[in-house]
């Protein structure tokens, strides 16, 4: 894995993370407000699901 690949992946992550703020800042703020009211255990569960989905996606793409 090259440094160039890592930088490209980081760039794509930043693009995806920035899209909600650009497209609808007020809804993004409201979502963050609602997230702050959720329990830590729920947020950890959501984070785990996202990490496992990402891992599965990477595995599927690399196995093709």
C-alpha atoms as a PDB file:
ATOM      1  CA  UNK A   1       0.000   0.000   0.000  1.00  0.00           C
ATOM      2  CA  UNK A   2       1.536   3.251  -1.115  1.00  0.00           C
ATOM      3  CA  UNK A   3       1.447   6.635   0.534  1.00  0.00           C
ATOM      4  CA  UNK A   4      -0.373   7.977  -2.516  1.00  0.00           C
ATOM      5  CA  UNK A   5      -3.206   5.466  -1.981  1.00  0.00           C
ATOM      6  CA  UNK A   6      -3.531   6.429   1.684  1.00  0.00           C
ATOM      7  CA  UNK A   7      -3.707  10.127   0.817  1.00  0.00           C
ATOM      8  CA  UNK A   8      -6.374   9.474  -1.837  1.00  0.00           C
ATOM      9  CA  UNK A   9      -8.451   7.447   0.632  1.00  0.00           C
ATOM     10  CA  UNK A  10      -8.117  10.203   3.246  1.00  0.00           C
ATOM     11  CA  UNK A  11      -9.215  12.751   0.641  1.00  0.00           C
ATOM     12  CA  UNK A  12     -12.320  10.727  -0.212  1.00  0.00           C
ATOM     13  CA  UNK A  13     -13.171  10.385   3.480  1.00  0.00           C
ATOM     14  CA  UNK A  14     -12.890  14.165   3.920  1.00  0.00           C
ATOM     15  CA  UNK A  15     -15.141  14.740   0.891  1.00  0.00           C
ATOM     16  CA  UNK A  16     -17.801  12.372   2.241  1.00  0.00           C
ATOM     17  CA  UNK A  17     -17.558  13.823   5.750  1.00  0.00           C
ATOM     18  CA  UNK A  18     -17.876  17.377   4.427  1.00  0.00           C
ATOM     19  CA  UNK A  19     -20.918  16.762   2.238  1.00  0.00           C
ATOM     20  CA  UNK A  20     -23.595  17.000   4.981  1.00  0.00           C
ATOM     21  CA  UNK A  21     -22.106  20.283   6.243  1.00  0.00           C
ATOM     22  CA  UNK A  22     -22.105  21.756   2.733  1.00  0.00           C
ATOM     23  CA  UNK A  23     -25.504  20.453   1.618  1.00  0.00           C
ATOM     24  CA  UNK A  24     -27.523  21.125   4.775  1.00  0.00           C
ATOM     25  CA  UNK A  25     -25.710  22.719   7.703  1.00  0.00           C
ATOM     26  CA  UNK A  26     -28.905  23.258   9.731  1.00  0.00           C
ATOM     27  CA  UNK A  27     -29.962  19.601   9.488  1.00  0.00           C
ATOM     28  CA  UNK A  28     -26.447  18.491  10.338  1.00  0.00           C
ATOM     29  CA  UNK A  29     -26.504  20.627  13.488  1.00  0.00           C
ATOM     30  CA  UNK A  30     -29.888  19.203  14.432  1.00  0.00           C
ATOM     31  CA  UNK A  31     -28.626  15.645  13.894  1.00  0.00           C
ATOM     32  CA  UNK A  32     -25.593  16.321  16.092  1.00  0.00           C
ATOM     33  CA  UNK A  33     -27.886  17.724  18.771  1.00  0.00           C
ATOM     34  CA  UNK A  34     -29.962  14.537  18.666  1.00  0.00           C
ATOM     35  CA  UNK A  35     -26.822  12.379  18.732  1.00  0.00           C
ATOM     36  CA  UNK A  36     -25.622  14.139  21.863  1.00  0.00           C
ATOM     37  CA  UNK A  37     -28.754  12.931  23.643  1.00  0.00           C
ATOM     38  CA  UNK A  38     -28.123   9.264  22.789  1.00  0.00           C
ATOM     39  CA  UNK A  39     -26.423   6.967  25.279  1.00  0.00           C
ATOM     40  CA  UNK A  40     -22.748   6.131  24.911  1.00  0.00           C
ATOM     41  CA  UNK A  41     -23.638   2.457  24.510  1.00  0.00           C
ATOM     42  CA  UNK A  42     -25.941   3.207  21.556  1.00  0.00           C
ATOM     43  CA  UNK A  43     -23.304   5.355  19.882  1.00  0.00           C
ATOM     44  CA  UNK A  44     -20.666   2.647  20.371  1.00  0.00           C
ATOM     45  CA  UNK A  45     -23.034   0.131  18.770  1.00  0.00           C
ATOM     46  CA  UNK A  46     -23.599   2.402  15.784  1.00  0.00           C
ATOM     47  CA  UNK A  47     -19.843   2.958  15.474  1.00  0.00           C
ATOM     48  CA  UNK A  48     -19.210  -0.788  15.589  1.00  0.00           C
ATOM     49  CA  UNK A  49     -21.778  -1.415  12.844  1.00  0.00           C
ATOM     50  CA  UNK A  50     -20.162   1.247  10.634  1.00  0.00           C
ATOM     51  CA  UNK A  51     -16.677  -0.164  11.214  1.00  0.00           C
ATOM     52  CA  UNK A  52     -17.817  -3.711  10.426  1.00  0.00           C
ATOM     53  CA  UNK A  53     -19.626  -2.512   7.290  1.00  0.00           C
ATOM     54  CA  UNK A  54     -16.467  -0.708   6.166  1.00  0.00           C
ATOM     55  CA  UNK A  55     -14.349  -3.753   6.880  1.00  0.00           C
ATOM     56  CA  UNK A  56     -16.743  -5.965   4.909  1.00  0.00           C
ATOM     57  CA  UNK A  57     -16.729  -3.510   2.014  1.00  0.00           C
ATOM     58  CA  UNK A  58     -12.923  -3.411   1.905  1.00  0.00           C
ATOM     59  CA  UNK A  59     -12.767  -7.218   2.132  1.00  0.00           C
ATOM     60  CA  UNK A  60     -15.247  -7.652  -0.723  1.00  0.00           C
ATOM     61  CA  UNK A  61     -13.442  -5.189  -2.977  1.00  0.00           C
ATOM     62  CA  UNK A  62     -10.009  -6.666  -2.239  1.00  0.00           C
ATOM     63  CA  UNK A  63     -11.221 -10.233  -2.862  1.00  0.00           C
ATOM     64  CA  UNK A  64     -12.481  -9.474  -6.382  1.00  0.00           C
END
